[in-house]
Amino acid sequence: MMCLQDPLQRFLPRPYVFSVGPESVRIESNDLELALAIRTACLTGKFDHITEWTLLRDRKADGRDDAVTLVEETSLRTLLIGHGSLMVFDRETRRLFAYVSPMLDLELLTTALIPLAIAP
């Protein structure tokens, strides 16, 4: 029997699912604390630009470096945060996908990094 590797964690279970607001914003995560932080931020109306969130807490990631790199290509905006976190926002579909290091502060994520990713 062959064992398939999934280094991108595409098939990682995301048991924490929330729908928020009148536009039915969907939040999916494998980490309850992360999902609740995004849900709280969405309830305040800060992230009306996003209709679908997929957030994966990568427990193996090493996120000690605080450097942020921004890459833009047409409708995609990508943030590389240190060595352990990655965030991609698609302006056309209004979807945000992120791998989040366990060391990344959730307040920093919701107050600075996500706003940078979704800025017009």
C-alpha atoms as a PDB file:
ATOM      1  CA  MET A   1       0.000   0.000   0.000  1.00  0.00           C
ATOM      2  CA  MET A   2       1.370   3.392  -1.006  1.00  0.00           C
ATOM      3  CA  CYS A   3       1.273   6.227   1.529  1.00  0.00           C
ATOM      4  CA  LEU A   4       0.496   9.584  -0.079  1.00  0.00           C
ATOM      5  CA  GLN A   5       2.145  12.645   1.355  1.00  0.00           C
ATOM      6  CA  ASP A   6       0.228  15.900   1.663  1.00  0.00           C
ATOM      7  CA  PRO A   7       2.892  18.551   2.372  1.00  0.00           C
ATOM      8  CA  LEU A   8       0.448  21.390   1.631  1.00  0.00           C
ATOM      9  CA  GLN A   9      -2.058  19.912   4.102  1.00  0.00           C
ATOM     10  CA  ARG A  10      -4.854  20.224   1.538  1.00  0.00           C
ATOM     11  CA  PHE A  11      -6.723  17.338   3.105  1.00  0.00           C
ATOM     12  CA  LEU A  12      -6.252  18.410   6.711  1.00  0.00           C
ATOM     13  CA  PRO A  13      -9.610  18.283   8.535  1.00  0.00           C
ATOM     14  CA  ARG A  14     -11.135  21.710   9.245  1.00  0.00           C
ATOM     15  CA  PRO A  15     -13.699  20.924  11.937  1.00  0.00           C
ATOM     16  CA  TYR A  16     -14.251  24.539  13.029  1.00  0.00           C
ATOM     17  CA  VAL A  17     -16.705  26.108  10.609  1.00  0.00           C
ATOM     18  CA  PHE A  18     -18.632  29.337  11.148  1.00  0.00           C
ATOM     19  CA  SER A  19     -21.018  31.402   9.059  1.00  0.00           C
ATOM     20  CA  VAL A  20     -21.082  35.105   9.881  1.00  0.00           C
ATOM     21  CA  GLY A  21     -23.259  38.034   8.877  1.00  0.00           C
ATOM     22  CA  PRO A  22     -25.957  38.657   6.319  1.00  0.00           C
ATOM     23  CA  GLU A  23     -23.669  37.789   3.364  1.00  0.00           C
ATOM     24  CA  SER A  24     -22.960  34.407   4.930  1.00  0.00           C
ATOM     25  CA  VAL A  25     -19.210  34.703   5.306  1.00  0.00           C
ATOM     26  CA  ARG A  26     -17.728  31.228   5.747  1.00  0.00           C
ATOM     27  CA  ILE A  27     -14.773  30.532   8.047  1.00  0.00           C
ATOM     28  CA  GLU A  28     -13.066  27.122   8.098  1.00  0.00           C
ATOM     29  CA  SER A  29     -10.111  26.214  10.297  1.00  0.00           C
ATOM     30  CA  ASN A  30      -8.323  23.380  12.018  1.00  0.00           C
ATOM     31  CA  ASP A  31      -7.733  25.608  15.059  1.00  0.00           C
ATOM     32  CA  LEU A  32     -10.571  26.875  17.260  1.00  0.00           C
ATOM     33  CA  GLU A  33      -8.688  29.887  18.669  1.00  0.00           C
ATOM     34  CA  LEU A  34      -7.783  31.040  15.155  1.00  0.00           C
ATOM     35  CA  ALA A  35     -11.330  30.539  13.840  1.00  0.00           C
ATOM     36  CA  LEU A  36     -12.844  32.436  16.763  1.00  0.00           C
ATOM     37  CA  ALA A  37     -10.412  35.351  16.349  1.00  0.00           C
ATOM     38  CA  ILE A  38     -11.416  35.708  12.687  1.00  0.00           C
ATOM     39  CA  ARG A  39     -15.097  35.287  13.520  1.00  0.00           C
ATOM     40  CA  THR A  40     -14.872  38.075  16.113  1.00  0.00           C
ATOM     41  CA  ALA A  41     -13.088  40.353  13.644  1.00  0.00           C
ATOM     42  CA  CYS A  42     -15.732  39.615  10.982  1.00  0.00           C
ATOM     43  CA  LEU A  43     -18.550  40.451  13.399  1.00  0.00           C
ATOM     44  CA  THR A  44     -17.100  43.949  13.794  1.00  0.00           C
ATOM     45  CA  GLY A  45     -17.338  44.472  10.026  1.00  0.00           C
ATOM     46  CA  LYS A  46     -13.579  44.913   9.575  1.00  0.00           C
ATOM     47  CA  PHE A  47     -13.284  42.319   6.830  1.00  0.00           C
ATOM     48  CA  ASP A  48     -16.246  42.882   4.535  1.00  0.00           C
ATOM     49  CA  HIS A  49     -13.947  42.273   1.544  1.00  0.00           C
ATOM     50  CA  ILE A  50     -13.713  38.555   2.343  1.00  0.00           C
ATOM     51  CA  THR A  51     -16.515  36.028   1.904  1.00  0.00           C
ATOM     52  CA  GLU A  52     -14.607  32.772   2.405  1.00  0.00           C
ATOM     53  CA  TRP A  53     -11.796  32.024   4.837  1.00  0.00           C
ATOM     54  CA  THR A  54      -9.631  28.894   5.007  1.00  0.00           C
ATOM     55  CA  LEU A  55      -7.145  29.084   7.868  1.00  0.00           C
ATOM     56  CA  LEU A  56      -4.770  26.276   8.729  1.00  0.00           C
ATOM     57  CA  ARG A  57      -2.668  26.354  11.859  1.00  0.00           C
ATOM     58  CA  ASP A  58       0.577  24.675  10.843  1.00  0.00           C
ATOM     59  CA  ARG A  59       1.865  23.311  14.137  1.00  0.00           C
ATOM     60  CA  LYS A  60       5.193  22.258  12.576  1.00  0.00           C
ATOM     61  CA  ALA A  61       5.983  25.712  11.183  1.00  0.00           C
ATOM     62  CA  ASP A  62       8.884  27.734  12.478  1.00  0.00           C
ATOM     63  CA  GLY A  63       7.721  31.345  12.598  1.00  0.00           C
ATOM     64  CA  ARG A  64      10.522  33.062  14.481  1.00  0.00           C
ATOM     65  CA  ASP A  65      11.350  35.561  11.730  1.00  0.00           C
ATOM     66  CA  ASP A  66       9.107  38.634  11.618  1.00  0.00           C
ATOM     67  CA  ALA A  67       9.937  39.665   8.037  1.00  0.00           C
ATOM     68  CA  VAL A  68       6.906  40.231   5.791  1.00  0.00           C
ATOM     69  CA  THR A  69       7.118  39.934   2.013  1.00  0.00           C
ATOM     70  CA  LEU A  70       4.277  41.135  -0.204  1.00  0.00           C
ATOM     71  CA  VAL A  71       3.825  39.708  -3.703  1.00  0.00           C
ATOM     72  CA  GLU A  72       1.067  40.899  -6.057  1.00  0.00           C
ATOM     73  CA  GLU A  73      -0.031  39.398  -9.335  1.00  0.00           C
ATOM     74  CA  THR A  74      -3.244  40.551 -10.995  1.00  0.00           C
ATOM     75  CA  SER A  75      -5.998  39.568  -8.569  1.00  0.00           C
ATOM     76  CA  LEU A  76      -3.831  37.678  -6.066  1.00  0.00           C
ATOM     77  CA  ARG A  77      -2.031  39.264  -3.148  1.00  0.00           C
ATOM     78  CA  THR A  78       0.318  37.012  -1.191  1.00  0.00           C
ATOM     79  CA  LEU A  79       1.987  37.687   2.140  1.00  0.00           C
ATOM     80  CA  LEU A  80       4.916  35.602   3.294  1.00  0.00           C
ATOM     81  CA  ILE A  81       5.278  36.108   7.031  1.00  0.00           C
ATOM     82  CA  GLY A  82       8.571  34.919   8.412  1.00  0.00           C
ATOM     83  CA  HIS A  83       9.373  31.290   7.712  1.00  0.00           C
ATOM     84  CA  GLY A  84       6.133  29.812   8.977  1.00  0.00           C
ATOM     85  CA  SER A  85       3.104  31.719   7.700  1.00  0.00           C
ATOM     86  CA  LEU A  86       1.599  32.375   4.297  1.00  0.00           C
ATOM     87  CA  MET A  87      -1.544  34.257   3.327  1.00  0.00           C
ATOM     88  CA  VAL A  88      -3.144  34.514  -0.114  1.00  0.00           C
ATOM     89  CA  PHE A  89      -6.101  36.799  -0.903  1.00  0.00           C
ATOM     90  CA  ASP A  90      -7.948  36.479  -4.206  1.00  0.00           C
ATOM     91  CA  ARG A  91      -9.679  39.790  -4.961  1.00  0.00           C
ATOM     92  CA  GLU A  92     -11.907  38.293  -7.663  1.00  0.00           C
ATOM     93  CA  THR A  93     -13.375  35.480  -5.583  1.00  0.00           C
ATOM     94  CA  ARG A  94     -12.967  37.343  -2.260  1.00  0.00           C
ATOM     95  CA  ARG A  95     -11.343  34.278  -0.677  1.00  0.00           C
ATOM     96  CA  LEU A  96      -8.499  34.273   1.805  1.00  0.00           C
ATOM     97  CA  PHE A  97      -6.337  31.209   2.412  1.00  0.00           C
ATOM     98  CA  ALA A  98      -3.672  31.113   5.124  1.00  0.00           C
ATOM     99  CA  TYR A  99      -1.163  28.828   6.772  1.00  0.00           C
ATOM    100  CA  VAL A 100      -0.557  30.306  10.215  1.00  0.00           C
ATOM    101  CA  SER A 101       2.457  29.563  12.387  1.00  0.00           C
ATOM    102  CA  PRO A 102       1.701  28.685  16.013  1.00  0.00           C
ATOM    103  CA  MET A 103       4.001  31.565  17.009  1.00  0.00           C
ATOM    104  CA  LEU A 104       2.123  34.217  15.031  1.00  0.00           C
ATOM    105  CA  ASP A 105       0.226  36.569  17.343  1.00  0.00           C
ATOM    106  CA  LEU A 106      -3.494  36.574  16.503  1.00  0.00           C
ATOM    107  CA  GLU A 107      -3.860  40.274  17.310  1.00  0.00           C
ATOM    108  CA  LEU A 108      -1.080  41.078  14.842  1.00  0.00           C
ATOM    109  CA  LEU A 109      -2.792  38.834  12.316  1.00  0.00           C
ATOM    110  CA  THR A 110      -6.181  40.539  12.633  1.00  0.00           C
ATOM    111  CA  THR A 111      -5.027  44.143  13.091  1.00  0.00           C
ATOM    112  CA  ALA A 112      -2.100  44.393  10.660  1.00  0.00           C
ATOM    113  CA  LEU A 113      -1.454  41.387   8.432  1.00  0.00           C
ATOM    114  CA  ILE A 114      -4.958  40.657   7.131  1.00  0.00           C
ATOM    115  CA  PRO A 115      -5.638  44.376   6.449  1.00  0.00           C
ATOM    116  CA  LEU A 116      -2.368  44.472   4.477  1.00  0.00           C
ATOM    117  CA  ALA A 117      -3.427  41.421   2.468  1.00  0.00           C
ATOM    118  CA  ILE A 118      -6.848  42.825   1.562  1.00  0.00           C
ATOM    119  CA  ALA A 119      -5.860  46.458   0.987  1.00  0.00           C
ATOM    120  CA  PRO A 120      -7.107  47.832  -2.354  1.00  0.00           C
END
